[in-house]
Amino acid sequence: MKNKTWKEKRYTLKGVVVENFYGNCRYGAIVEIETDEKGLKKIKENPLQDYINYKPESIDYVYFDIYLTETIRSLKIIIEKEFVFPVGKIESGKRTEEIEKIISRLYEDHTLSVKILY
């Protein structure tokens, strides 16, 4: 039997999403998205998505730090390499003073992340 190995890349996006509900009521959430290369590509192509599925009127702002985990697998061993620092970022929308206040409040209140598999 040949010694086959294969590589896999997984991404963790950590950041915030600010949504606008009807009547100009804005809501923010800290999110953590787990995805593969295909999912990361889709997010980069269209970052202003409703990740939380709350059905808002619009997504006004998103910011994600991108963390990478590389896994090398064989029949005998699994090696995981997890990057401590972000390998990139995604930012879309206009970061206004009002959005800045929402984001600051989220982090000050120690809000738990919404975990999403994408």
C-alpha atoms as a PDB file:
ATOM      1  CA  MET A   1       0.000   0.000   0.000  1.00  0.00           C
ATOM      2  CA  LYS A   2       1.349   3.438  -0.939  1.00  0.00           C
ATOM      3  CA  ASN A   3       1.898   6.015   1.751  1.00  0.00           C
ATOM      4  CA  LYS A   4      -0.725   8.565   0.727  1.00  0.00           C
ATOM      5  CA  THR A   5      -0.856  12.003   2.283  1.00  0.00           C
ATOM      6  CA  TRP A   6      -3.285  14.820   1.742  1.00  0.00           C
ATOM      7  CA  LYS A   7      -3.519  18.419   2.913  1.00  0.00           C
ATOM      8  CA  GLU A   8      -6.521  20.318   4.131  1.00  0.00           C
ATOM      9  CA  LYS A   9      -6.951  24.014   4.926  1.00  0.00           C
ATOM     10  CA  ARG A  10      -9.598  25.280   7.328  1.00  0.00           C
ATOM     11  CA  TYR A  11     -10.276  28.899   8.152  1.00  0.00           C
ATOM     12  CA  THR A  12     -11.676  30.564  11.250  1.00  0.00           C
ATOM     13  CA  LEU A  13     -13.038  34.066  10.728  1.00  0.00           C
ATOM     14  CA  LYS A  14     -13.405  36.107  13.910  1.00  0.00           C
ATOM     15  CA  GLY A  15     -15.064  39.497  13.887  1.00  0.00           C
ATOM     16  CA  VAL A  16     -18.271  41.491  13.926  1.00  0.00           C
ATOM     17  CA  VAL A  17     -21.405  41.882  11.839  1.00  0.00           C
ATOM     18  CA  VAL A  18     -23.639  44.968  12.138  1.00  0.00           C
ATOM     19  CA  GLU A  19     -27.146  44.615  10.756  1.00  0.00           C
ATOM     20  CA  ASN A  20     -29.871  47.201  10.149  1.00  0.00           C
ATOM     21  CA  PHE A  21     -33.388  46.149  10.983  1.00  0.00           C
ATOM     22  CA  TYR A  22     -36.499  47.926   9.825  1.00  0.00           C
ATOM     23  CA  GLY A  23     -36.919  51.337  11.439  1.00  0.00           C
ATOM     24  CA  ASN A  24     -33.153  51.980  11.595  1.00  0.00           C
ATOM     25  CA  CYS A  25     -32.633  49.713  14.594  1.00  0.00           C
ATOM     26  CA  ARG A  26     -29.060  48.430  14.356  1.00  0.00           C
ATOM     27  CA  TYR A  27     -27.838  45.216  15.945  1.00  0.00           C
ATOM     28  CA  GLY A  28     -24.293  43.933  16.166  1.00  0.00           C
ATOM     29  CA  ALA A  29     -22.915  40.488  16.872  1.00  0.00           C
ATOM     30  CA  ILE A  30     -19.502  39.017  17.437  1.00  0.00           C
ATOM     31  CA  VAL A  31     -19.211  36.021  15.139  1.00  0.00           C
ATOM     32  CA  GLU A  32     -16.821  33.144  14.615  1.00  0.00           C
ATOM     33  CA  ILE A  33     -17.147  31.353  11.284  1.00  0.00           C
ATOM     34  CA  GLU A  34     -15.523  27.982  10.521  1.00  0.00           C
ATOM     35  CA  THR A  35     -15.120  27.299   6.804  1.00  0.00           C
ATOM     36  CA  ASP A  36     -12.998  25.746   4.072  1.00  0.00           C
ATOM     37  CA  GLU A  37     -11.323  27.371   1.042  1.00  0.00           C
ATOM     38  CA  LYS A  38     -14.537  27.306  -1.015  1.00  0.00           C
ATOM     39  CA  GLY A  39     -16.515  29.002   1.779  1.00  0.00           C
ATOM     40  CA  LEU A  40     -13.793  31.611   2.305  1.00  0.00           C
ATOM     41  CA  LYS A  41     -13.896  32.462  -1.388  1.00  0.00           C
ATOM     42  CA  LYS A  42     -17.697  32.944  -1.231  1.00  0.00           C
ATOM     43  CA  ILE A  43     -17.389  35.185   1.815  1.00  0.00           C
ATOM     44  CA  LYS A  44     -14.678  37.294   0.160  1.00  0.00           C
ATOM     45  CA  GLU A  45     -16.847  37.681  -2.969  1.00  0.00           C
ATOM     46  CA  ASN A  46     -19.885  38.792  -0.932  1.00  0.00           C
ATOM     47  CA  PRO A  47     -18.933  39.765   2.628  1.00  0.00           C
ATOM     48  CA  LEU A  48     -22.162  41.639   3.451  1.00  0.00           C
ATOM     49  CA  GLN A  49     -24.233  38.510   4.103  1.00  0.00           C
ATOM     50  CA  ASP A  50     -26.796  37.621   6.765  1.00  0.00           C
ATOM     51  CA  TYR A  51     -24.544  35.083   8.553  1.00  0.00           C
ATOM     52  CA  ILE A  52     -26.769  34.933  11.627  1.00  0.00           C
ATOM     53  CA  ASN A  53     -29.975  34.442   9.609  1.00  0.00           C
ATOM     54  CA  TYR A  54     -31.967  37.164  11.408  1.00  0.00           C
ATOM     55  CA  LYS A  55     -33.444  38.485   8.136  1.00  0.00           C
ATOM     56  CA  PRO A  56     -32.472  42.160   8.571  1.00  0.00           C
ATOM     57  CA  GLU A  57     -33.211  44.923   6.104  1.00  0.00           C
ATOM     58  CA  SER A  58     -29.488  45.246   5.344  1.00  0.00           C
ATOM     59  CA  ILE A  59     -26.020  44.252   6.509  1.00  0.00           C
ATOM     60  CA  ASP A  60     -24.178  47.523   7.086  1.00  0.00           C
ATOM     61  CA  TYR A  61     -20.711  46.432   8.138  1.00  0.00           C
ATOM     62  CA  VAL A  62     -18.565  43.316   8.590  1.00  0.00           C
ATOM     63  CA  TYR A  63     -15.008  42.841   9.770  1.00  0.00           C
ATOM     64  CA  PHE A  64     -13.229  39.494  10.101  1.00  0.00           C
ATOM     65  CA  ASP A  65      -9.691  38.469  10.962  1.00  0.00           C
ATOM     66  CA  ILE A  66      -8.854  35.265   9.068  1.00  0.00           C
ATOM     67  CA  TYR A  67      -7.004  32.485  10.912  1.00  0.00           C
ATOM     68  CA  LEU A  68      -5.643  29.415   9.137  1.00  0.00           C
ATOM     69  CA  THR A  69      -5.278  25.807  10.270  1.00  0.00           C
ATOM     70  CA  GLU A  70      -3.412  23.469   7.917  1.00  0.00           C
ATOM     71  CA  THR A  71      -3.739  19.727   8.398  1.00  0.00           C
ATOM     72  CA  ILE A  72      -1.525  17.111   6.777  1.00  0.00           C
ATOM     73  CA  ARG A  73      -2.926  13.596   6.995  1.00  0.00           C
ATOM     74  CA  SER A  74      -1.514  10.201   6.170  1.00  0.00           C
ATOM     75  CA  LEU A  75      -2.424   6.682   7.166  1.00  0.00           C
ATOM     76  CA  LYS A  76       0.025   6.883  10.091  1.00  0.00           C
ATOM     77  CA  ILE A  77       0.067  10.484  11.271  1.00  0.00           C
ATOM     78  CA  ILE A  78      -1.923  13.724  11.441  1.00  0.00           C
ATOM     79  CA  ILE A  79      -0.080  17.037  11.721  1.00  0.00           C
ATOM     80  CA  GLU A  80      -1.974  20.255  12.435  1.00  0.00           C
ATOM     81  CA  LYS A  81      -0.400  23.663  12.024  1.00  0.00           C
ATOM     82  CA  GLU A  82      -2.489  26.433  13.559  1.00  0.00           C
ATOM     83  CA  PHE A  83      -1.502  30.019  12.795  1.00  0.00           C
ATOM     84  CA  VAL A  84      -1.593  32.278  15.858  1.00  0.00           C
ATOM     85  CA  PHE A  85      -1.764  35.552  13.957  1.00  0.00           C
ATOM     86  CA  PRO A  86      -4.350  36.376  11.272  1.00  0.00           C
ATOM     87  CA  VAL A  87      -3.330  35.505   7.707  1.00  0.00           C
ATOM     88  CA  GLY A  88      -5.685  38.146   6.304  1.00  0.00           C
ATOM     89  CA  LYS A  89      -8.780  40.216   6.915  1.00  0.00           C
ATOM     90  CA  ILE A  90     -12.120  40.971   5.335  1.00  0.00           C
ATOM     91  CA  GLU A  91     -13.805  44.341   5.809  1.00  0.00           C
ATOM     92  CA  SER A  92     -16.833  45.667   3.998  1.00  0.00           C
ATOM     93  CA  GLY A  93     -19.325  48.459   4.537  1.00  0.00           C
ATOM     94  CA  LYS A  94     -18.839  51.893   6.007  1.00  0.00           C
ATOM     95  CA  ARG A  95     -17.563  52.043   9.602  1.00  0.00           C
ATOM     96  CA  THR A  96     -19.463  55.062  10.892  1.00  0.00           C
ATOM     97  CA  GLU A  97     -19.323  56.559  14.373  1.00  0.00           C
ATOM     98  CA  GLU A  98     -22.627  54.818  15.242  1.00  0.00           C
ATOM     99  CA  ILE A  99     -21.277  51.442  14.085  1.00  0.00           C
ATOM    100  CA  GLU A 100     -18.068  52.065  16.052  1.00  0.00           C
ATOM    101  CA  LYS A 101     -20.167  52.574  19.213  1.00  0.00           C
ATOM    102  CA  ILE A 102     -22.091  49.326  18.595  1.00  0.00           C
ATOM    103  CA  ILE A 103     -18.842  47.393  18.137  1.00  0.00           C
ATOM    104  CA  SER A 104     -17.287  48.932  21.268  1.00  0.00           C
ATOM    105  CA  ARG A 105     -20.357  47.988  23.313  1.00  0.00           C
ATOM    106  CA  LEU A 106     -20.198  44.397  22.069  1.00  0.00           C
ATOM    107  CA  TYR A 107     -16.633  43.967  23.264  1.00  0.00           C
ATOM    108  CA  GLU A 108     -17.196  45.888  26.515  1.00  0.00           C
ATOM    109  CA  ASP A 109     -20.181  43.679  27.402  1.00  0.00           C
ATOM    110  CA  HIS A 110     -18.088  40.527  26.791  1.00  0.00           C
ATOM    111  CA  THR A 111     -20.694  39.209  24.404  1.00  0.00           C
ATOM    112  CA  LEU A 112     -20.249  35.557  23.443  1.00  0.00           C
ATOM    113  CA  SER A 113     -19.474  34.790  19.814  1.00  0.00           C
ATOM    114  CA  VAL A 114     -22.129  33.387  17.520  1.00  0.00           C
ATOM    115  CA  LYS A 115     -20.450  30.254  16.094  1.00  0.00           C
ATOM    116  CA  ILE A 116     -21.273  29.501  12.475  1.00  0.00           C
ATOM    117  CA  LEU A 117     -20.286  26.628  10.170  1.00  0.00           C
ATOM    118  CA  TYR A 118     -20.168  27.957   6.618  1.00  0.00           C
END
